[in-house]
């Protein structure tokens, strides 16, 4: 009787361990990490966010805008190996808005830098802040 109890307890422990490992893995993949942010100016503006995190590999990006509206004309992601990807984000973002999830080509990749052109659209609202998140 005791032998059956120990094997049931062992099986339940194994199931619990597998469940915890799966949920931990899924949670870390789902968390957005701030890669950088810039203030948009009132004229056409080009900025760069230097990411360069060798330990951070990303599969998706998202743009979030605060403190005012902004027009984003283009965004080019440069990977660690020098390859580039032009993300389709030509859009007017309102304050507090965010882009759709931008899927990067290939598997998880190290991002070296992100270049983009944008401009604040309304002077009275102040300079917009453009933040890029990755996961």
N, C-alpha and C. Protein backbone atom coordinates (compact mmCIF):
# COMPACT_ATOMS: atom_id res chain seq x y z
N UNK A 1 0.81 -1.19 0.00
CA UNK A 1 0.00 0.00 0.00
C UNK A 1 0.86 1.26 0.00
N UNK A 2 1.94 1.27 0.82
CA UNK A 2 2.80 2.45 0.90
C UNK A 2 3.52 2.69 -0.42
N UNK A 3 3.90 1.60 -1.09
CA UNK A 3 4.61 1.73 -2.36
C UNK A 3 3.73 2.45 -3.39
N UNK A 4 2.45 2.15 -3.43
CA UNK A 4 1.51 2.80 -4.36
C UNK A 4 1.35 4.27 -4.01
N UNK A 5 1.35 4.62 -2.73
CA UNK A 5 1.24 6.01 -2.29
C UNK A 5 2.46 6.83 -2.74
N UNK A 6 3.65 6.19 -2.60
CA UNK A 6 4.86 6.89 -3.00
C UNK A 6 4.90 7.12 -4.51
N UNK A 7 4.48 6.14 -5.31
CA UNK A 7 4.49 6.35 -6.76
C UNK A 7 3.45 7.37 -7.18
N UNK A 8 2.31 7.42 -6.52
CA UNK A 8 1.30 8.44 -6.84
C UNK A 8 1.83 9.81 -6.47
N UNK A 9 2.44 9.91 -5.30
CA UNK A 9 3.02 11.18 -4.86
C UNK A 9 4.14 11.63 -5.81
N UNK A 10 4.97 10.70 -6.25
CA UNK A 10 6.05 11.03 -7.20
C UNK A 10 5.50 11.50 -8.53
N UNK A 11 4.45 10.84 -9.01
CA UNK A 11 3.83 11.24 -10.28
C UNK A 11 3.20 12.63 -10.16
N UNK A 12 2.53 12.90 -9.06
CA UNK A 12 1.93 14.23 -8.85
C UNK A 12 3.01 15.30 -8.76
N UNK A 13 4.11 14.98 -8.08
CA UNK A 13 5.21 15.95 -7.98
C UNK A 13 5.81 16.25 -9.34
N UNK A 14 5.98 15.21 -10.15
CA UNK A 14 6.51 15.40 -11.50
C UNK A 14 5.58 16.26 -12.34
N UNK A 15 4.27 16.01 -12.26
CA UNK A 15 3.29 16.82 -13.00
C UNK A 15 3.34 18.28 -12.55
N UNK A 16 3.44 18.50 -11.25
CA UNK A 16 3.52 19.87 -10.73
C UNK A 16 4.78 20.58 -11.23
N UNK A 17 5.90 19.87 -11.21
CA UNK A 17 7.16 20.45 -11.68
C UNK A 17 7.07 20.83 -13.15
N UNK A 18 6.53 19.96 -13.99
CA UNK A 18 6.38 20.24 -15.42
C UNK A 18 5.47 21.44 -15.63
N UNK A 19 4.37 21.52 -14.90
CA UNK A 19 3.45 22.66 -15.01
C UNK A 19 4.13 23.97 -14.65
N UNK A 20 4.91 23.97 -13.57
CA UNK A 20 5.63 25.18 -13.14
C UNK A 20 6.65 25.59 -14.20
N UNK A 21 7.39 24.63 -14.74
CA UNK A 21 8.39 24.95 -15.76
C UNK A 21 7.75 25.51 -17.02
N UNK A 22 6.65 24.96 -17.45
CA UNK A 22 5.97 25.45 -18.65
C UNK A 22 5.44 26.86 -18.42
N UNK A 23 4.81 27.11 -17.29
CA UNK A 23 4.25 28.45 -17.04
C UNK A 23 5.35 29.49 -16.89
N UNK A 24 6.49 29.11 -16.30
CA UNK A 24 7.61 30.04 -16.18
C UNK A 24 8.17 30.38 -17.55
N UNK A 25 8.32 29.41 -18.42
CA UNK A 25 8.84 29.65 -19.76
C UNK A 25 7.89 30.52 -20.55
N UNK A 26 6.60 30.24 -20.50
CA UNK A 26 5.64 31.05 -21.24
C UNK A 26 5.58 32.46 -20.70
N UNK A 27 5.70 32.64 -19.40
CA UNK A 27 5.65 33.98 -18.81
C UNK A 27 6.81 34.85 -19.25
N UNK A 28 8.01 34.29 -19.33
CA UNK A 28 9.16 35.10 -19.72
C UNK A 28 9.08 35.49 -21.19
N UNK A 29 8.47 34.64 -22.02
CA UNK A 29 8.33 34.98 -23.44
C UNK A 29 7.27 36.05 -23.65
N UNK A 30 6.31 36.15 -22.76
CA UNK A 30 5.21 37.07 -22.94
C UNK A 30 5.44 38.46 -22.38
N UNK A 31 6.50 38.66 -21.63
CA UNK A 31 6.76 39.96 -21.01
C UNK A 31 7.44 40.91 -21.97
N UNK A 32 6.93 42.13 -22.05
CA UNK A 32 7.56 43.16 -22.89
C UNK A 32 8.68 43.80 -22.12
N UNK A 33 9.81 44.01 -22.79
CA UNK A 33 10.98 44.65 -22.19
C UNK A 33 11.26 45.95 -22.93
N UNK A 34 11.42 47.04 -22.18
CA UNK A 34 11.73 48.34 -22.79
C UNK A 34 13.11 48.29 -23.41
N UNK A 35 13.17 48.57 -24.73
CA UNK A 35 14.45 48.60 -25.43
C UNK A 35 15.03 50.00 -25.48
N UNK A 36 14.17 51.00 -25.42
CA UNK A 36 14.63 52.38 -25.43
C UNK A 36 13.49 53.32 -25.74
N UNK A 37 13.73 54.62 -25.50
CA UNK A 37 12.71 55.63 -25.79
C UNK A 37 13.38 56.92 -26.23
N UNK A 38 12.63 57.70 -27.01
CA UNK A 38 13.12 58.99 -27.53
C UNK A 38 11.99 60.01 -27.48
N UNK A 39 12.36 61.28 -27.38
CA UNK A 39 11.39 62.37 -27.51
C UNK A 39 11.33 62.79 -28.96
N UNK A 40 10.12 62.86 -29.49
CA UNK A 40 9.93 63.30 -30.88
C UNK A 40 9.92 64.82 -30.92
N UNK A 41 10.50 65.39 -31.95
CA UNK A 41 10.59 66.84 -32.10
C UNK A 41 9.43 67.34 -32.95
N UNK A 42 9.33 68.68 -33.13
CA UNK A 42 8.25 69.28 -33.91
C UNK A 42 8.56 69.33 -35.40
N UNK A 43 9.75 68.98 -35.77
CA UNK A 43 10.11 68.93 -37.18
C UNK A 43 10.42 67.48 -37.52
N UNK A 44 10.65 67.19 -38.80
CA UNK A 44 11.03 65.83 -39.15
C UNK A 44 12.27 65.45 -38.36
N UNK A 45 12.24 64.29 -37.80
CA UNK A 45 13.29 63.91 -36.88
C UNK A 45 13.72 62.48 -37.14
N UNK A 46 15.01 62.26 -37.06
CA UNK A 46 15.56 60.91 -37.16
C UNK A 46 16.22 60.60 -35.84
N UNK A 47 15.92 59.46 -35.30
CA UNK A 47 16.56 59.05 -34.05
C UNK A 47 16.95 57.59 -34.12
N UNK A 48 17.81 57.23 -33.20
CA UNK A 48 18.29 55.86 -33.11
C UNK A 48 18.22 55.41 -31.66
N UNK A 49 17.76 54.20 -31.48
CA UNK A 49 17.83 53.57 -30.18
C UNK A 49 18.87 52.46 -30.30
N UNK A 50 19.97 52.61 -29.56
CA UNK A 50 21.00 51.57 -29.53
C UNK A 50 20.58 50.52 -28.52
N UNK A 51 20.34 49.32 -28.98
CA UNK A 51 19.88 48.25 -28.10
C UNK A 51 21.10 47.44 -27.67
N UNK A 52 21.70 46.69 -28.60
CA UNK A 52 22.95 45.99 -28.36
C UNK A 52 22.98 45.07 -27.17
N UNK A 53 21.89 44.43 -26.86
CA UNK A 53 21.87 43.50 -25.73
C UNK A 53 22.17 42.10 -26.23
N UNK A 54 23.36 41.67 -26.03
CA UNK A 54 23.77 40.35 -26.51
C UNK A 54 22.94 39.26 -25.84
N UNK A 55 22.55 39.50 -24.58
CA UNK A 55 21.80 38.47 -23.88
C UNK A 55 20.32 38.50 -24.22
N UNK A 56 19.86 39.57 -24.86
CA UNK A 56 18.45 39.70 -25.19
C UNK A 56 18.16 39.37 -26.63
N UNK A 57 17.38 38.37 -26.86
CA UNK A 57 16.96 38.00 -28.20
C UNK A 57 15.47 38.23 -28.28
N UNK A 58 15.05 38.84 -29.38
CA UNK A 58 13.66 39.25 -29.50
C UNK A 58 13.03 38.72 -30.78
N UNK A 59 11.76 38.47 -30.70
CA UNK A 59 10.99 37.96 -31.83
C UNK A 59 9.94 38.98 -32.27
N UNK A 60 9.55 39.87 -31.35
CA UNK A 60 8.50 40.84 -31.65
C UNK A 60 8.84 42.19 -31.05
N UNK A 61 8.31 43.25 -31.70
CA UNK A 61 8.46 44.61 -31.21
C UNK A 61 7.09 45.26 -31.11
N UNK A 62 7.03 46.32 -30.30
CA UNK A 62 5.82 47.14 -30.22
C UNK A 62 6.24 48.56 -29.89
N UNK A 63 5.59 49.53 -30.56
CA UNK A 63 5.84 50.95 -30.32
C UNK A 63 4.73 51.48 -29.42
N UNK A 64 5.10 52.27 -28.42
CA UNK A 64 4.12 52.90 -27.53
C UNK A 64 4.42 54.40 -27.49
N UNK A 65 3.36 55.20 -27.55
CA UNK A 65 3.51 56.65 -27.62
C UNK A 65 2.82 57.30 -26.42
N UNK A 66 3.51 58.23 -25.76
CA UNK A 66 2.97 58.98 -24.63
C UNK A 66 3.25 60.46 -24.80
N UNK A 67 2.55 61.29 -24.04
CA UNK A 67 2.75 62.75 -23.94
C UNK A 67 2.47 63.52 -25.21
N UNK A 68 1.73 62.98 -26.15
CA UNK A 68 1.36 63.72 -27.35
C UNK A 68 1.33 62.83 -28.57
N UNK A 69 0.64 63.29 -29.61
CA UNK A 69 0.58 62.50 -30.85
C UNK A 69 1.89 62.60 -31.63
N UNK A 70 2.12 61.61 -32.49
CA UNK A 70 3.34 61.59 -33.30
C UNK A 70 3.06 60.84 -34.61
N UNK A 71 3.69 61.34 -35.68
CA UNK A 71 3.65 60.64 -36.97
C UNK A 71 4.95 59.85 -37.10
N UNK A 72 4.84 58.55 -37.31
CA UNK A 72 6.03 57.73 -37.55
C UNK A 72 6.04 57.38 -39.02
N UNK A 73 7.15 57.70 -39.69
CA UNK A 73 7.26 57.50 -41.13
C UNK A 73 7.90 56.16 -41.48
N UNK A 74 8.89 55.74 -40.73
CA UNK A 74 9.48 54.42 -40.96
C UNK A 74 10.31 54.00 -39.76
N UNK A 75 10.59 52.71 -39.71
CA UNK A 75 11.40 52.15 -38.63
C UNK A 75 12.23 51.01 -39.22
N UNK A 76 13.54 51.10 -39.04
CA UNK A 76 14.44 50.07 -39.55
C UNK A 76 15.18 49.44 -38.37
N UNK A 77 15.07 48.14 -38.27
CA UNK A 77 15.71 47.37 -37.21
C UNK A 77 16.99 46.76 -37.79
N UNK A 78 18.11 46.99 -37.11
CA UNK A 78 19.38 46.38 -37.52
C UNK A 78 19.74 45.31 -36.49
N UNK A 79 19.98 44.10 -37.00
CA UNK A 79 20.30 42.98 -36.14
C UNK A 79 21.80 42.90 -35.91
N UNK A 80 22.18 42.07 -34.96
CA UNK A 80 23.57 41.90 -34.57
C UNK A 80 24.47 41.51 -35.74
N UNK A 81 23.94 40.75 -36.69
CA UNK A 81 24.76 40.30 -37.82
C UNK A 81 24.79 41.30 -38.97
N UNK A 82 24.19 42.49 -38.79
CA UNK A 82 24.20 43.53 -39.82
C UNK A 82 22.99 43.53 -40.73
N UNK A 83 22.18 42.47 -40.71
CA UNK A 83 20.97 42.44 -41.51
C UNK A 83 19.99 43.49 -41.00
N UNK A 84 19.15 44.00 -41.91
CA UNK A 84 18.16 45.00 -41.52
C UNK A 84 16.76 44.52 -41.89
N UNK A 85 15.79 45.09 -41.20
CA UNK A 85 14.38 44.79 -41.45
C UNK A 85 13.60 46.10 -41.36
N UNK A 86 12.91 46.45 -42.44
CA UNK A 86 12.10 47.67 -42.45
C UNK A 86 10.68 47.30 -42.01
N UNK A 87 10.31 47.76 -40.83
CA UNK A 87 8.99 47.45 -40.29
C UNK A 87 7.94 48.38 -40.90
N UNK A 88 6.80 47.86 -41.20
CA UNK A 88 5.71 48.63 -41.79
C UNK A 88 4.92 49.33 -40.69
N UNK A 89 5.35 50.54 -40.30
CA UNK A 89 4.69 51.26 -39.21
C UNK A 89 4.29 52.68 -39.58
N UNK A 90 4.21 53.02 -40.84
CA UNK A 90 3.84 54.37 -41.24
C UNK A 90 2.44 54.65 -40.72
N UNK A 91 2.38 55.52 -39.68
CA UNK A 91 1.10 55.69 -38.98
C UNK A 91 1.13 56.93 -38.10
N UNK A 92 -0.03 57.51 -37.85
CA UNK A 92 -0.16 58.59 -36.87
C UNK A 92 -0.64 57.97 -35.57
N UNK A 93 0.16 58.08 -34.53
CA UNK A 93 -0.17 57.53 -33.23
C UNK A 93 -0.69 58.65 -32.33
N UNK A 94 -1.80 58.41 -31.67
CA UNK A 94 -2.31 59.34 -30.68
C UNK A 94 -1.61 59.10 -29.35
N UNK A 95 -1.69 60.08 -28.46
CA UNK A 95 -1.11 59.92 -27.13
C UNK A 95 -1.73 58.70 -26.45
N UNK A 96 -0.89 57.89 -25.85
CA UNK A 96 -1.36 56.71 -25.14
C UNK A 96 -1.64 55.51 -26.03
N UNK A 97 -1.33 55.62 -27.32
CA UNK A 97 -1.61 54.49 -28.22
C UNK A 97 -0.37 53.64 -28.41
N UNK A 98 -0.57 52.49 -29.03
CA UNK A 98 0.54 51.59 -29.33
C UNK A 98 0.31 50.94 -30.67
N UNK A 99 1.39 50.45 -31.24
CA UNK A 99 1.32 49.80 -32.55
C UNK A 99 0.81 48.37 -32.39
N UNK A 100 0.52 47.77 -33.52
CA UNK A 100 0.26 46.34 -33.54
C UNK A 100 1.57 45.63 -33.18
N UNK A 101 1.52 44.37 -32.89
CA UNK A 101 2.74 43.61 -32.61
C UNK A 101 3.47 43.40 -33.93
N UNK A 102 4.73 43.78 -33.96
CA UNK A 102 5.56 43.68 -35.16
C UNK A 102 6.40 42.42 -35.05
N UNK A 103 6.10 41.44 -35.89
CA UNK A 103 6.86 40.19 -35.90
C UNK A 103 8.15 40.37 -36.69
N UNK A 104 9.26 40.02 -36.08
CA UNK A 104 10.55 40.11 -36.73
C UNK A 104 10.81 38.83 -37.53
N UNK A 105 11.55 38.94 -38.64
CA UNK A 105 11.82 37.74 -39.44
C UNK A 105 12.76 36.79 -38.71
N UNK A 106 12.57 35.50 -38.93
CA UNK A 106 13.45 34.49 -38.33
C UNK A 106 13.07 34.19 -36.89
N UNK A 107 13.95 33.49 -36.22
CA UNK A 107 13.76 33.16 -34.81
C UNK A 107 14.15 34.35 -33.95
N UNK A 108 14.23 34.13 -32.66
CA UNK A 108 14.67 35.21 -31.76
C UNK A 108 16.01 35.75 -32.23
N UNK A 109 16.12 37.08 -32.26
CA UNK A 109 17.32 37.69 -32.81
C UNK A 109 17.82 38.81 -31.89
N UNK A 110 19.13 38.99 -31.90
CA UNK A 110 19.74 40.08 -31.17
C UNK A 110 19.58 41.35 -31.99
N UNK A 111 19.07 42.41 -31.37
CA UNK A 111 18.88 43.69 -32.05
C UNK A 111 20.02 44.62 -31.66
N UNK A 112 20.68 45.17 -32.66
CA UNK A 112 21.78 46.10 -32.43
C UNK A 112 21.26 47.53 -32.27
N UNK A 113 20.35 47.95 -33.18
CA UNK A 113 19.83 49.31 -33.12
C UNK A 113 18.51 49.39 -33.86
N UNK A 114 17.77 50.45 -33.55
CA UNK A 114 16.50 50.73 -34.23
C UNK A 114 16.53 52.19 -34.65
N UNK A 115 16.42 52.43 -35.96
CA UNK A 115 16.37 53.79 -36.51
C UNK A 115 14.94 54.08 -36.93
N UNK A 116 14.49 55.31 -36.65
CA UNK A 116 13.18 55.67 -37.14
C UNK A 116 13.06 57.16 -37.38
N UNK A 117 12.14 57.51 -38.27
CA UNK A 117 11.82 58.90 -38.58
C UNK A 117 10.41 59.17 -38.08
N UNK A 118 10.25 60.29 -37.39
CA UNK A 118 8.95 60.67 -36.84
C UNK A 118 8.92 62.15 -36.58
N UNK A 119 7.75 62.66 -36.22
CA UNK A 119 7.67 64.05 -35.76
C UNK A 119 6.43 64.22 -34.92
N UNK A 120 6.54 65.09 -33.92
CA UNK A 120 5.36 65.46 -33.12
C UNK A 120 4.42 66.23 -34.02
N UNK A 121 3.13 66.10 -33.81
CA UNK A 121 2.17 66.72 -34.72
C UNK A 121 1.51 67.97 -34.16
N UNK A 122 1.47 68.14 -32.85
CA UNK A 122 0.77 69.29 -32.26
C UNK A 122 1.67 69.94 -31.21
N UNK A 123 2.07 71.18 -31.45
CA UNK A 123 2.96 71.88 -30.52
C UNK A 123 2.38 72.05 -29.13
N UNK A 124 1.11 72.34 -29.04
CA UNK A 124 0.52 72.63 -27.73
C UNK A 124 0.52 71.41 -26.80
N UNK A 125 0.61 70.22 -27.38
CA UNK A 125 0.61 69.01 -26.56
C UNK A 125 2.00 68.64 -26.05
N UNK A 126 3.02 69.36 -26.47
CA UNK A 126 4.37 69.04 -26.05
C UNK A 126 5.00 67.97 -26.92
N UNK A 127 6.18 67.56 -26.55
CA UNK A 127 6.89 66.54 -27.32
C UNK A 127 6.40 65.16 -26.94
N UNK A 128 6.10 64.37 -27.94
CA UNK A 128 5.69 63.00 -27.71
C UNK A 128 6.91 62.15 -27.36
N UNK A 129 6.68 61.11 -26.57
CA UNK A 129 7.72 60.14 -26.26
C UNK A 129 7.40 58.85 -26.97
N UNK A 130 8.36 58.37 -27.76
CA UNK A 130 8.21 57.12 -28.50
C UNK A 130 9.07 56.07 -27.81
N UNK A 131 8.44 54.99 -27.38
CA UNK A 131 9.16 53.89 -26.71
C UNK A 131 9.00 52.62 -27.54
N UNK A 132 10.08 51.84 -27.61
CA UNK A 132 10.04 50.56 -28.32
C UNK A 132 10.26 49.44 -27.30
N UNK A 133 9.35 48.48 -27.34
CA UNK A 133 9.42 47.31 -26.45
C UNK A 133 9.66 46.06 -27.28
N UNK A 134 10.32 45.09 -26.69
CA UNK A 134 10.56 43.83 -27.37
C UNK A 134 10.24 42.65 -26.48
N UNK A 135 9.95 41.54 -27.12
CA UNK A 135 9.78 40.27 -26.38
C UNK A 135 10.17 39.12 -27.28
